Each structure stands twice: as C-alpha cells, then as structure tokens.
C-alpha cells in the first residue's frame, strides 16, 4: 500500500495529470485558506454560516471544493472570519 502523497508524487510525473492538477491549484489554495482561517478562529462551519448569512451546507461545500462560489459569497464568508479578499497575480 502507498500513501496518498506517494501516489500524488508518482502521478505528477504524468503531463496530463500535472496540467489538470495545476489548473486547479487556485481552487485548492482557496479551500485550504478558508479552512485554516476558520480553524484559527476556532469556529465551526455552523458559526461561520450564521455570521455570513449562509447555510452550514454551503460552508461545507466551499471547504470541500464542491461548489463554485460567487465573489459575493466568498466576501460574506471571509467577512465572517474577519478577513478580506485580495487578488494578486492578475
């Protein structure tokens, strides 16, 4: 049996896999940043959702990467976490 990291490292040698992974890197970064910000604030998904005026399911979908949020939704969530959206490398 191999670890997920070992599998990923091996797969990254495949140009198609690498291209697909790199195309999604911004989404992975956003997801990680949301989770890290919530955990740093020691908040539950439900608490973030209540502050943002959204459902807990929406927060779960954002954190799992299974939704395509609008900028307005991201701003609500980030505001609930005391953060602001900043775009760089445009």
C-alpha atoms as a PDB file:
ATOM      1  CA  UNK A   1       0.000   0.000   0.000  1.00  0.00           C
ATOM      2  CA  UNK A   2       1.225   3.534  -0.784  1.00  0.00           C
ATOM      3  CA  UNK A   3       0.331   6.808   0.855  1.00  0.00           C
ATOM      4  CA  UNK A   4      -1.710   9.499  -0.845  1.00  0.00           C
ATOM      5  CA  UNK A   5       1.410  11.682  -1.044  1.00  0.00           C
ATOM      6  CA  UNK A   6       3.368   8.889  -2.740  1.00  0.00           C
ATOM      7  CA  UNK A   7       0.528   8.366  -5.229  1.00  0.00           C
ATOM      8  CA  UNK A   8       0.344  12.086  -5.950  1.00  0.00           C
ATOM      9  CA  UNK A   9       4.115  12.363  -6.431  1.00  0.00           C
ATOM     10  CA  UNK A  10       4.046   9.494  -8.910  1.00  0.00           C
ATOM     11  CA  UNK A  11       1.026  10.896 -10.765  1.00  0.00           C
ATOM     12  CA  UNK A  12       2.668  14.326 -11.080  1.00  0.00           C
ATOM     13  CA  UNK A  13       5.141  12.703 -13.486  1.00  0.00           C
ATOM     14  CA  UNK A  14       2.250  12.279 -15.961  1.00  0.00           C
ATOM     15  CA  UNK A  15       1.971  15.523 -18.008  1.00  0.00           C
ATOM     16  CA  UNK A  16      -1.847  15.297 -18.274  1.00  0.00           C
ATOM     17  CA  UNK A  17      -2.270  14.769 -14.532  1.00  0.00           C
ATOM     18  CA  UNK A  18       0.181  17.588 -13.769  1.00  0.00           C
ATOM     19  CA  UNK A  19      -1.655  20.007 -16.085  1.00  0.00           C
ATOM     20  CA  UNK A  20      -5.041  19.143 -14.567  1.00  0.00           C
ATOM     21  CA  UNK A  21      -3.695  19.489 -11.031  1.00  0.00           C
ATOM     22  CA  UNK A  22      -2.008  22.805 -11.750  1.00  0.00           C
ATOM     23  CA  UNK A  23      -5.180  24.143 -13.393  1.00  0.00           C
ATOM     24  CA  UNK A  24      -6.999  23.603 -10.087  1.00  0.00           C
ATOM     25  CA  UNK A  25      -4.253  24.948  -7.815  1.00  0.00           C
ATOM     26  CA  UNK A  26      -6.007  28.283  -7.185  1.00  0.00           C
ATOM     27  CA  UNK A  27      -9.118  26.439  -6.020  1.00  0.00           C
ATOM     28  CA  UNK A  28      -7.039  24.212  -3.724  1.00  0.00           C
ATOM     29  CA  UNK A  29      -5.357  27.290  -2.246  1.00  0.00           C
ATOM     30  CA  UNK A  30      -8.705  28.987  -1.618  1.00  0.00           C
ATOM     31  CA  UNK A  31     -10.125  25.895   0.054  1.00  0.00           C
ATOM     32  CA  UNK A  32      -7.076  25.495   2.300  1.00  0.00           C
ATOM     33  CA  UNK A  33      -7.138  29.199   3.211  1.00  0.00           C
ATOM     34  CA  UNK A  34     -10.825  29.084   4.200  1.00  0.00           C
ATOM     35  CA  UNK A  35     -10.348  26.015   6.370  1.00  0.00           C
ATOM     36  CA  UNK A  36      -7.200  27.405   8.006  1.00  0.00           C
ATOM     37  CA  UNK A  37      -8.876  30.756   8.738  1.00  0.00           C
ATOM     38  CA  UNK A  38     -11.905  29.046  10.292  1.00  0.00           C
ATOM     39  CA  UNK A  39      -9.777  26.735  12.429  1.00  0.00           C
ATOM     40  CA  UNK A  40      -7.542  29.611  13.538  1.00  0.00           C
ATOM     41  CA  UNK A  41     -10.660  31.448  14.749  1.00  0.00           C
ATOM     42  CA  UNK A  42     -11.802  28.194  16.432  1.00  0.00           C
ATOM     43  CA  UNK A  43     -15.162  28.437  14.704  1.00  0.00           C
ATOM     44  CA  UNK A  44     -17.430  25.682  13.486  1.00  0.00           C
ATOM     45  CA  UNK A  45     -18.860  25.662   9.991  1.00  0.00           C
ATOM     46  CA  UNK A  46     -22.236  26.451  11.541  1.00  0.00           C
ATOM     47  CA  UNK A  47     -20.847  29.532  13.323  1.00  0.00           C
ATOM     48  CA  UNK A  48     -19.271  30.839  10.116  1.00  0.00           C
ATOM     49  CA  UNK A  49     -22.505  30.183   8.233  1.00  0.00           C
ATOM     50  CA  UNK A  50     -24.593  32.076  10.790  1.00  0.00           C
ATOM     51  CA  UNK A  51     -22.269  35.092  10.707  1.00  0.00           C
ATOM     52  CA  UNK A  52     -22.183  35.058   6.896  1.00  0.00           C
ATOM     53  CA  UNK A  53     -25.938  34.556   6.489  1.00  0.00           C
ATOM     54  CA  UNK A  54     -25.431  31.270   4.681  1.00  0.00           C
ATOM     55  CA  UNK A  55     -26.192  27.633   5.397  1.00  0.00           C
ATOM     56  CA  UNK A  56     -23.741  25.257   7.054  1.00  0.00           C
ATOM     57  CA  UNK A  57     -24.079  23.079   3.951  1.00  0.00           C
ATOM     58  CA  UNK A  58     -22.756  25.953   1.811  1.00  0.00           C
ATOM     59  CA  UNK A  59     -19.694  26.307   4.072  1.00  0.00           C
ATOM     60  CA  UNK A  60     -19.097  22.555   3.879  1.00  0.00           C
ATOM     61  CA  UNK A  61     -19.316  22.684   0.092  1.00  0.00           C
ATOM     62  CA  UNK A  62     -16.858  25.587  -0.047  1.00  0.00           C
ATOM     63  CA  UNK A  63     -14.409  23.739   2.165  1.00  0.00           C
ATOM     64  CA  UNK A  64     -14.711  20.519   0.188  1.00  0.00           C
ATOM     65  CA  UNK A  65     -14.273  22.286  -3.144  1.00  0.00           C
ATOM     66  CA  UNK A  66     -17.602  21.044  -4.485  1.00  0.00           C
ATOM     67  CA  UNK A  67     -19.118  24.465  -5.122  1.00  0.00           C
ATOM     68  CA  UNK A  68     -18.337  27.335  -7.429  1.00  0.00           C
ATOM     69  CA  UNK A  69     -18.947  30.365  -5.195  1.00  0.00           C
ATOM     70  CA  UNK A  70     -19.517  33.882  -6.403  1.00  0.00           C
ATOM     71  CA  UNK A  71     -17.244  36.664  -5.215  1.00  0.00           C
ATOM     72  CA  UNK A  72     -20.142  37.944  -3.120  1.00  0.00           C
ATOM     73  CA  UNK A  73     -20.397  34.589  -1.326  1.00  0.00           C
ATOM     74  CA  UNK A  74     -16.644  34.475  -0.731  1.00  0.00           C
ATOM     75  CA  UNK A  75     -16.755  38.008   0.656  1.00  0.00           C
ATOM     76  CA  UNK A  76     -19.552  37.022   3.065  1.00  0.00           C
ATOM     77  CA  UNK A  77     -17.592  34.036   4.342  1.00  0.00           C
ATOM     78  CA  UNK A  78     -14.345  35.946   4.598  1.00  0.00           C
ATOM     79  CA  UNK A  79     -16.125  38.807   6.389  1.00  0.00           C
ATOM     80  CA  UNK A  80     -17.493  36.315   8.900  1.00  0.00           C
ATOM     81  CA  UNK A  81     -13.893  35.218   9.501  1.00  0.00           C
ATOM     82  CA  UNK A  82     -12.606  38.783   9.806  1.00  0.00           C
ATOM     83  CA  UNK A  83     -10.745  38.537   6.508  1.00  0.00           C
ATOM     84  CA  UNK A  84     -10.794  40.371   3.185  1.00  0.00           C
ATOM     85  CA  UNK A  85     -10.469  39.013  -0.333  1.00  0.00           C
ATOM     86  CA  UNK A  86      -7.278  40.138  -2.040  1.00  0.00           C
ATOM     87  CA  UNK A  87      -6.470  39.260  -5.629  1.00  0.00           C
ATOM     88  CA  UNK A  88      -2.836  39.114  -6.697  1.00  0.00           C
ATOM     89  CA  UNK A  89      -1.003  37.893  -9.800  1.00  0.00           C
ATOM     90  CA  UNK A  90      -3.667  39.147 -12.171  1.00  0.00           C
END
